[in-house]
């Protein structure tokens, strides 16, 4: 079904004269679609299928192992996109493995929310505004932006 959707999107884009980048997502690891020992082969199978259907790139969220990521990049004939998360190699190492796109996914929001949650918890504990001030250190003065 996903391959057919990719084909349909690719055909519609071509018909409209749009150079569309389709980053096809395979959630083999994320959704645990197969047993762990079959995940790499299934991600490769799906990635190759999606490329044949017209995908421009393949997104494989939750792949973490460097050797496995390298094999995915080598076997999938399109730019590989990996999700940035704990346990994933740094960008330079991913690039050396053949990864061409790195998604922050929910990481940026979670980092911001974590800081907000910690500051709010500290502030609500005793009403000390220093917890909020400390959490905002280094950010722009928003009052000046709207003055």
N, C-alpha and C. Protein backbone atom coordinates (compact mmCIF):
# COMPACT_ATOMS: atom_id res chain seq x y z
N UNK A 1 0.83 -1.19 0.00
CA UNK A 1 0.00 0.00 0.00
C UNK A 1 0.88 1.26 0.00
N UNK A 2 1.91 1.23 0.84
CA UNK A 2 2.78 2.41 0.91
C UNK A 2 3.48 2.65 -0.43
N UNK A 3 3.92 1.58 -1.08
CA UNK A 3 4.57 1.72 -2.38
C UNK A 3 3.61 2.31 -3.40
N UNK A 4 2.36 1.89 -3.36
CA UNK A 4 1.37 2.44 -4.30
C UNK A 4 1.14 3.92 -4.03
N UNK A 5 1.12 4.31 -2.77
CA UNK A 5 0.97 5.73 -2.44
C UNK A 5 2.15 6.54 -2.97
N UNK A 6 3.35 5.98 -2.85
CA UNK A 6 4.55 6.66 -3.35
C UNK A 6 4.45 6.80 -4.87
N UNK A 7 4.07 5.73 -5.54
CA UNK A 7 3.90 5.78 -7.01
C UNK A 7 2.90 6.85 -7.41
N UNK A 8 1.79 6.91 -6.70
CA UNK A 8 0.74 7.89 -7.01
C UNK A 8 1.25 9.31 -6.80
N UNK A 9 1.96 9.53 -5.69
CA UNK A 9 2.51 10.87 -5.43
C UNK A 9 3.55 11.24 -6.49
N UNK A 10 4.39 10.30 -6.86
CA UNK A 10 5.43 10.56 -7.86
C UNK A 10 4.78 10.90 -9.20
N UNK A 11 3.76 10.14 -9.61
CA UNK A 11 3.07 10.40 -10.87
C UNK A 11 2.39 11.76 -10.86
N UNK A 12 1.74 12.09 -9.75
CA UNK A 12 1.06 13.39 -9.66
C UNK A 12 2.06 14.53 -9.72
N UNK A 13 3.18 14.39 -9.05
CA UNK A 13 4.22 15.43 -9.07
C UNK A 13 4.78 15.60 -10.47
N UNK A 14 5.05 14.48 -11.13
CA UNK A 14 5.58 14.56 -12.50
C UNK A 14 4.58 15.22 -13.44
N UNK A 15 3.33 14.86 -13.29
CA UNK A 15 2.28 15.44 -14.14
C UNK A 15 2.16 16.95 -13.92
N UNK A 16 2.38 17.39 -12.68
CA UNK A 16 2.30 18.81 -12.35
C UNK A 16 3.61 19.55 -12.61
N UNK A 17 4.65 18.81 -13.01
CA UNK A 17 5.94 19.44 -13.25
C UNK A 17 6.67 19.83 -11.99
N UNK A 18 6.39 19.12 -10.88
CA UNK A 18 7.00 19.43 -9.59
C UNK A 18 8.12 18.43 -9.30
N UNK A 19 9.29 18.94 -8.98
CA UNK A 19 10.42 18.09 -8.61
C UNK A 19 10.30 17.78 -7.12
N UNK A 20 9.49 16.80 -6.80
CA UNK A 20 9.14 16.47 -5.41
C UNK A 20 10.14 15.50 -4.80
N UNK A 21 10.62 15.80 -3.61
CA UNK A 21 11.47 14.87 -2.86
C UNK A 21 10.55 14.07 -1.95
N UNK A 22 10.46 12.78 -2.20
CA UNK A 22 9.63 11.90 -1.38
C UNK A 22 10.55 11.13 -0.45
N UNK A 23 10.47 11.43 0.83
CA UNK A 23 11.27 10.75 1.84
C UNK A 23 10.39 9.66 2.45
N UNK A 24 10.45 8.47 1.88
CA UNK A 24 9.57 7.38 2.29
C UNK A 24 10.03 6.79 3.62
N UNK A 25 9.10 6.67 4.50
CA UNK A 25 9.39 6.21 5.85
C UNK A 25 9.11 4.72 5.98
N UNK A 26 10.05 4.01 6.56
CA UNK A 26 9.84 2.61 6.88
C UNK A 26 9.96 2.45 8.39
N UNK A 27 8.87 2.10 9.01
CA UNK A 27 8.84 2.01 10.47
C UNK A 27 9.10 0.60 11.00
N UNK A 28 9.94 -0.14 10.31
CA UNK A 28 10.24 -1.51 10.70
C UNK A 28 10.76 -1.57 12.13
N UNK A 29 11.70 -0.71 12.48
CA UNK A 29 12.29 -0.71 13.83
C UNK A 29 11.34 -0.03 14.83
N UNK A 30 10.84 1.11 14.45
CA UNK A 30 10.01 1.91 15.35
C UNK A 30 8.75 1.17 15.78
N UNK A 31 8.05 0.57 14.83
CA UNK A 31 6.79 -0.11 15.13
C UNK A 31 6.99 -1.60 15.40
N UNK A 32 8.24 -2.03 15.39
CA UNK A 32 8.55 -3.45 15.63
C UNK A 32 7.69 -4.35 14.73
N UNK A 33 7.76 -4.08 13.43
CA UNK A 33 6.93 -4.80 12.46
C UNK A 33 7.35 -6.25 12.27
N UNK A 34 8.60 -6.56 12.59
CA UNK A 34 9.11 -7.92 12.49
C UNK A 34 9.99 -8.18 13.71
N UNK A 35 10.42 -9.41 13.87
CA UNK A 35 11.33 -9.75 14.97
C UNK A 35 12.65 -9.00 14.78
N UNK A 36 13.32 -8.64 15.88
CA UNK A 36 14.55 -7.86 15.78
C UNK A 36 15.59 -8.43 14.82
N UNK A 37 15.73 -9.74 14.77
CA UNK A 37 16.73 -10.34 13.89
C UNK A 37 16.35 -10.26 12.41
N UNK A 38 15.13 -9.83 12.12
CA UNK A 38 14.67 -9.69 10.74
C UNK A 38 14.53 -8.22 10.32
N UNK A 39 14.72 -7.31 11.26
CA UNK A 39 14.45 -5.89 11.01
C UNK A 39 15.33 -5.31 9.90
N UNK A 40 16.60 -5.61 9.92
CA UNK A 40 17.49 -5.05 8.90
C UNK A 40 17.08 -5.50 7.51
N UNK A 41 16.86 -6.78 7.33
CA UNK A 41 16.47 -7.31 6.02
C UNK A 41 15.14 -6.72 5.57
N UNK A 42 14.20 -6.56 6.48
CA UNK A 42 12.90 -6.01 6.12
C UNK A 42 13.00 -4.53 5.79
N UNK A 43 13.82 -3.78 6.53
CA UNK A 43 14.02 -2.36 6.21
C UNK A 43 14.65 -2.20 4.83
N UNK A 44 15.59 -3.06 4.51
CA UNK A 44 16.23 -3.02 3.19
C UNK A 44 15.21 -3.37 2.11
N UNK A 45 14.43 -4.41 2.34
CA UNK A 45 13.42 -4.83 1.37
C UNK A 45 12.45 -3.69 1.09
N UNK A 46 11.95 -3.09 2.16
CA UNK A 46 11.00 -1.98 2.00
C UNK A 46 11.67 -0.77 1.35
N UNK A 47 12.89 -0.45 1.76
CA UNK A 47 13.60 0.68 1.17
C UNK A 47 13.78 0.52 -0.32
N UNK A 48 14.20 -0.67 -0.73
CA UNK A 48 14.39 -0.92 -2.16
C UNK A 48 13.05 -0.85 -2.90
N UNK A 49 12.01 -1.40 -2.31
CA UNK A 49 10.67 -1.36 -2.92
C UNK A 49 10.21 0.09 -3.09
N UNK A 50 10.40 0.90 -2.07
CA UNK A 50 9.95 2.29 -2.11
C UNK A 50 10.74 3.11 -3.14
N UNK A 51 12.02 2.81 -3.28
CA UNK A 51 12.82 3.49 -4.30
C UNK A 51 12.30 3.13 -5.69
N UNK A 52 12.02 1.85 -5.91
CA UNK A 52 11.46 1.43 -7.21
C UNK A 52 10.11 2.10 -7.47
N UNK A 53 9.38 2.39 -6.39
CA UNK A 53 8.07 3.04 -6.53
C UNK A 53 8.18 4.54 -6.77
N UNK A 54 9.38 5.11 -6.58
CA UNK A 54 9.57 6.53 -6.85
C UNK A 54 10.05 7.36 -5.68
N UNK A 55 10.38 6.72 -4.57
CA UNK A 55 10.88 7.47 -3.41
C UNK A 55 12.24 8.08 -3.74
N UNK A 56 12.47 9.29 -3.22
CA UNK A 56 13.74 9.99 -3.42
C UNK A 56 14.74 9.65 -2.32
N UNK A 57 14.22 9.32 -1.15
CA UNK A 57 15.04 8.98 0.00
C UNK A 57 14.27 8.03 0.88
N UNK A 58 14.98 7.37 1.79
CA UNK A 58 14.36 6.41 2.70
C UNK A 58 14.69 6.79 4.13
N UNK A 59 13.65 6.89 4.95
CA UNK A 59 13.78 7.24 6.36
C UNK A 59 13.58 5.97 7.18
N UNK A 60 14.60 5.62 7.97
CA UNK A 60 14.54 4.42 8.80
C UNK A 60 14.72 4.85 10.26
N UNK A 61 13.60 5.27 10.90
CA UNK A 61 13.71 5.69 12.30
C UNK A 61 14.05 4.53 13.24
N UNK A 62 14.83 4.84 14.24
CA UNK A 62 15.21 3.98 15.37
C UNK A 62 16.32 2.98 15.03
N UNK A 63 16.86 2.99 13.83
CA UNK A 63 18.05 2.20 13.56
C UNK A 63 19.20 2.90 14.30
N UNK A 64 19.95 2.15 15.12
CA UNK A 64 20.99 2.76 15.95
C UNK A 64 22.39 2.19 15.73
N UNK A 65 22.48 0.91 15.48
CA UNK A 65 23.77 0.24 15.40
C UNK A 65 24.56 0.73 14.19
N UNK A 66 25.78 1.23 14.40
CA UNK A 66 26.55 1.78 13.29
C UNK A 66 26.76 0.80 12.13
N UNK A 67 27.12 -0.43 12.43
CA UNK A 67 27.35 -1.40 11.36
C UNK A 67 26.07 -1.66 10.58
N UNK A 68 24.97 -1.76 11.28
CA UNK A 68 23.69 -1.98 10.63
C UNK A 68 23.28 -0.78 9.77
N UNK A 69 23.49 0.42 10.30
CA UNK A 69 23.19 1.63 9.53
C UNK A 69 24.03 1.67 8.26
N UNK A 70 25.29 1.31 8.36
CA UNK A 70 26.15 1.27 7.18
C UNK A 70 25.64 0.28 6.13
N UNK A 71 25.16 -0.87 6.59
CA UNK A 71 24.62 -1.86 5.65
C UNK A 71 23.32 -1.36 5.02
N UNK A 72 22.50 -0.66 5.80
CA UNK A 72 21.27 -0.08 5.24
C UNK A 72 21.61 0.92 4.15
N UNK A 73 22.56 1.80 4.44
CA UNK A 73 22.96 2.83 3.47
C UNK A 73 23.52 2.20 2.20
N UNK A 74 24.28 1.13 2.35
CA UNK A 74 24.89 0.48 1.19
C UNK A 74 23.85 -0.26 0.35
N UNK A 75 22.82 -0.80 0.98
CA UNK A 75 21.84 -1.64 0.28
C UNK A 75 20.67 -0.87 -0.31
N UNK A 76 20.41 0.32 0.21
CA UNK A 76 19.26 1.10 -0.27
C UNK A 76 19.78 2.16 -1.23
N UNK A 77 19.35 2.10 -2.49
CA UNK A 77 19.90 3.00 -3.52
C UNK A 77 19.27 4.40 -3.54
N UNK A 78 19.23 5.02 -2.38
CA UNK A 78 18.69 6.38 -2.24
C UNK A 78 19.27 6.96 -0.95
N UNK A 79 19.24 8.28 -0.79
CA UNK A 79 19.73 8.86 0.46
C UNK A 79 19.01 8.27 1.67
N UNK A 80 19.81 7.85 2.65
CA UNK A 80 19.26 7.27 3.88
C UNK A 80 19.11 8.35 4.94
N UNK A 81 17.95 8.38 5.56
CA UNK A 81 17.62 9.33 6.63
C UNK A 81 17.49 8.53 7.93
N UNK A 82 18.20 8.94 8.96
CA UNK A 82 18.17 8.29 10.27
C UNK A 82 17.64 9.28 11.30
N UNK A 83 16.98 8.76 12.32
CA UNK A 83 16.43 9.60 13.40
C UNK A 83 17.49 9.81 14.48
N UNK A 84 17.71 11.05 14.83
CA UNK A 84 18.63 11.41 15.90
C UNK A 84 17.98 11.09 17.23
N UNK A 85 18.65 10.26 18.02
CA UNK A 85 18.15 9.90 19.34
C UNK A 85 19.30 9.30 20.13
N UNK A 86 19.10 9.11 21.42
CA UNK A 86 20.13 8.52 22.24
C UNK A 86 20.60 7.19 21.68
N UNK A 87 21.91 6.99 21.62
CA UNK A 87 22.47 5.75 21.12
C UNK A 87 22.81 5.78 19.64
N UNK A 88 22.39 6.81 18.93
CA UNK A 88 22.70 6.94 17.50
C UNK A 88 24.04 7.67 17.38
N UNK A 89 24.90 7.23 16.47
CA UNK A 89 26.18 7.93 16.30
C UNK A 89 25.98 9.41 15.94
N UNK A 90 27.01 10.20 16.17
CA UNK A 90 26.98 11.62 15.82
C UNK A 90 26.92 11.78 14.30
N UNK A 91 26.55 12.97 13.87
CA UNK A 91 26.33 13.26 12.46
C UNK A 91 27.53 12.91 11.58
N UNK A 92 28.73 13.24 12.00
CA UNK A 92 29.92 12.97 11.18
C UNK A 92 30.10 11.46 10.99
N UNK A 93 29.88 10.70 12.05
CA UNK A 93 30.00 9.24 11.94
C UNK A 93 28.91 8.68 11.04
N UNK A 94 27.71 9.22 11.14
CA UNK A 94 26.61 8.77 10.27
C UNK A 94 26.93 9.08 8.81
N UNK A 95 27.47 10.26 8.57
CA UNK A 95 27.83 10.63 7.20
C UNK A 95 28.87 9.65 6.65
N UNK A 96 29.84 9.27 7.47
CA UNK A 96 30.86 8.32 7.03
C UNK A 96 30.26 6.94 6.74
N UNK A 97 29.15 6.64 7.39
CA UNK A 97 28.45 5.36 7.17
C UNK A 97 27.57 5.40 5.92
N UNK A 98 27.37 6.59 5.36
CA UNK A 98 26.54 6.70 4.16
C UNK A 98 25.20 7.37 4.39
N UNK A 99 24.93 7.80 5.61
CA UNK A 99 23.68 8.50 5.90
C UNK A 99 23.74 9.89 5.29
N UNK A 100 22.64 10.33 4.67
CA UNK A 100 22.63 11.62 4.01
C UNK A 100 21.65 12.61 4.62
N UNK A 101 20.79 12.12 5.52
CA UNK A 101 19.85 13.02 6.19
C UNK A 101 19.73 12.57 7.64
N UNK A 102 19.64 13.54 8.54
CA UNK A 102 19.50 13.26 9.96
C UNK A 102 18.32 14.05 10.50
N UNK A 103 17.32 13.36 10.99
CA UNK A 103 16.12 14.02 11.51
C UNK A 103 16.19 14.16 13.02
N UNK A 104 15.85 15.33 13.51
CA UNK A 104 15.82 15.51 14.96
C UNK A 104 14.56 14.91 15.55
N UNK A 105 13.57 14.64 14.70
CA UNK A 105 12.29 14.06 15.15
C UNK A 105 11.73 14.91 16.28
N UNK A 106 11.37 14.29 17.38
CA UNK A 106 10.81 15.03 18.50
C UNK A 106 11.90 15.51 19.47
N UNK A 107 13.17 15.27 19.12
CA UNK A 107 14.26 15.60 20.03
C UNK A 107 14.33 17.05 20.45
N UNK A 108 14.16 17.97 19.50
CA UNK A 108 14.23 19.40 19.84
C UNK A 108 13.08 19.80 20.76
N UNK A 109 11.88 19.32 20.45
CA UNK A 109 10.74 19.63 21.30
C UNK A 109 10.92 19.03 22.69
N UNK A 110 11.38 17.78 22.74
CA UNK A 110 11.56 17.13 24.04
C UNK A 110 12.61 17.84 24.89
N UNK A 111 13.67 18.33 24.24
CA UNK A 111 14.70 19.08 24.98
C UNK A 111 14.11 20.36 25.55
N UNK A 112 13.34 21.08 24.72
CA UNK A 112 12.72 22.32 25.18
C UNK A 112 11.70 22.04 26.27
N UNK A 113 10.90 21.01 26.08
CA UNK A 113 9.87 20.67 27.07
C UNK A 113 10.51 20.23 28.37
N UNK A 114 11.61 19.48 28.30
CA UNK A 114 12.30 19.03 29.51
C UNK A 114 12.79 20.22 30.34
N UNK A 115 13.37 21.21 29.65
CA UNK A 115 13.83 22.41 30.36
C UNK A 115 12.65 23.17 30.95
N UNK A 116 11.57 23.28 30.19
CA UNK A 116 10.37 23.96 30.67
C UNK A 116 9.79 23.23 31.89
N UNK A 117 9.73 21.93 31.82
CA UNK A 117 9.18 21.14 32.91
C UNK A 117 10.02 21.29 34.19
N UNK A 118 11.34 21.21 34.04
CA UNK A 118 12.21 21.35 35.21
C UNK A 118 12.09 22.74 35.82
N UNK A 119 12.08 23.78 34.99
CA UNK A 119 11.97 25.15 35.49
C UNK A 119 10.62 25.38 36.15
N UNK A 120 9.57 24.88 35.55
CA UNK A 120 8.22 25.05 36.10
C UNK A 120 8.08 24.33 37.43
N UNK A 121 8.61 23.11 37.51
CA UNK A 121 8.54 22.35 38.76
C UNK A 121 9.28 23.09 39.88
N UNK A 122 10.47 23.61 39.56
CA UNK A 122 11.24 24.36 40.57
C UNK A 122 10.52 25.64 40.96
N UNK A 123 9.95 26.34 40.00
CA UNK A 123 9.24 27.59 40.27
C UNK A 123 8.00 27.33 41.14
N UNK A 124 7.25 26.30 40.80
CA UNK A 124 6.03 26.01 41.56
C UNK A 124 6.32 25.49 42.96
N UNK A 125 7.51 24.94 43.16
CA UNK A 125 7.86 24.41 44.48
C UNK A 125 7.91 25.51 45.53
N UNK A 126 8.44 26.69 45.17
CA UNK A 126 8.54 27.75 46.18
C UNK A 126 8.35 29.16 45.62
N UNK A 127 7.99 29.26 44.34
CA UNK A 127 7.73 30.57 43.77
C UNK A 127 8.97 31.39 43.50
N UNK A 128 10.14 30.77 43.51
CA UNK A 128 11.39 31.50 43.26
C UNK A 128 11.54 31.74 41.76
N UNK A 129 11.49 33.00 41.32
CA UNK A 129 11.59 33.29 39.89
C UNK A 129 12.96 32.99 39.30
N UNK A 130 13.96 32.73 40.14
CA UNK A 130 15.30 32.43 39.63
C UNK A 130 15.32 31.14 38.81
N UNK A 131 14.43 30.20 39.12
CA UNK A 131 14.36 28.95 38.34
C UNK A 131 13.97 29.25 36.90
N UNK A 132 13.02 30.16 36.73
CA UNK A 132 12.60 30.53 35.38
C UNK A 132 13.68 31.36 34.69
N UNK A 133 14.28 32.27 35.43
CA UNK A 133 15.33 33.12 34.86
C UNK A 133 16.51 32.26 34.40
N UNK A 134 16.90 31.31 35.20
CA UNK A 134 18.04 30.45 34.86
C UNK A 134 17.74 29.62 33.62
N UNK A 135 16.53 29.13 33.50
CA UNK A 135 16.17 28.31 32.34
C UNK A 135 16.18 29.13 31.06
N UNK A 136 15.99 30.42 31.17
CA UNK A 136 15.96 31.28 29.99
C UNK A 136 17.28 31.91 29.65
N UNK A 137 18.34 31.58 30.38
CA UNK A 137 19.65 32.15 30.13
C UNK A 137 20.11 31.85 28.71
N UNK A 138 20.55 32.91 28.03
CA UNK A 138 21.06 32.74 26.68
C UNK A 138 20.01 32.91 25.59
N UNK A 139 18.75 33.01 25.97
CA UNK A 139 17.70 33.21 24.97
C UNK A 139 17.55 34.69 24.67
N UNK A 140 16.97 35.03 23.51
CA UNK A 140 16.79 36.45 23.19
C UNK A 140 15.79 37.12 24.14
N UNK A 141 15.89 38.42 24.22
CA UNK A 141 14.94 39.19 25.00
C UNK A 141 13.69 39.36 24.13
N UNK A 142 12.67 38.57 24.40
CA UNK A 142 11.46 38.59 23.57
C UNK A 142 10.69 39.88 23.70
N UNK A 143 10.82 40.56 24.83
CA UNK A 143 10.13 41.84 24.98
C UNK A 143 10.66 42.86 23.97
N UNK A 144 11.94 42.82 23.69
CA UNK A 144 12.52 43.75 22.70
C UNK A 144 12.04 43.41 21.28
N UNK A 145 11.76 42.18 21.03
CA UNK A 145 11.31 41.77 19.70
C UNK A 145 9.89 42.27 19.39
N UNK A 146 9.11 42.50 20.43
CA UNK A 146 7.72 42.89 20.22
C UNK A 146 7.44 44.32 20.66
N UNK A 147 8.49 45.08 20.91
CA UNK A 147 8.33 46.45 21.38
C UNK A 147 7.97 47.37 20.24
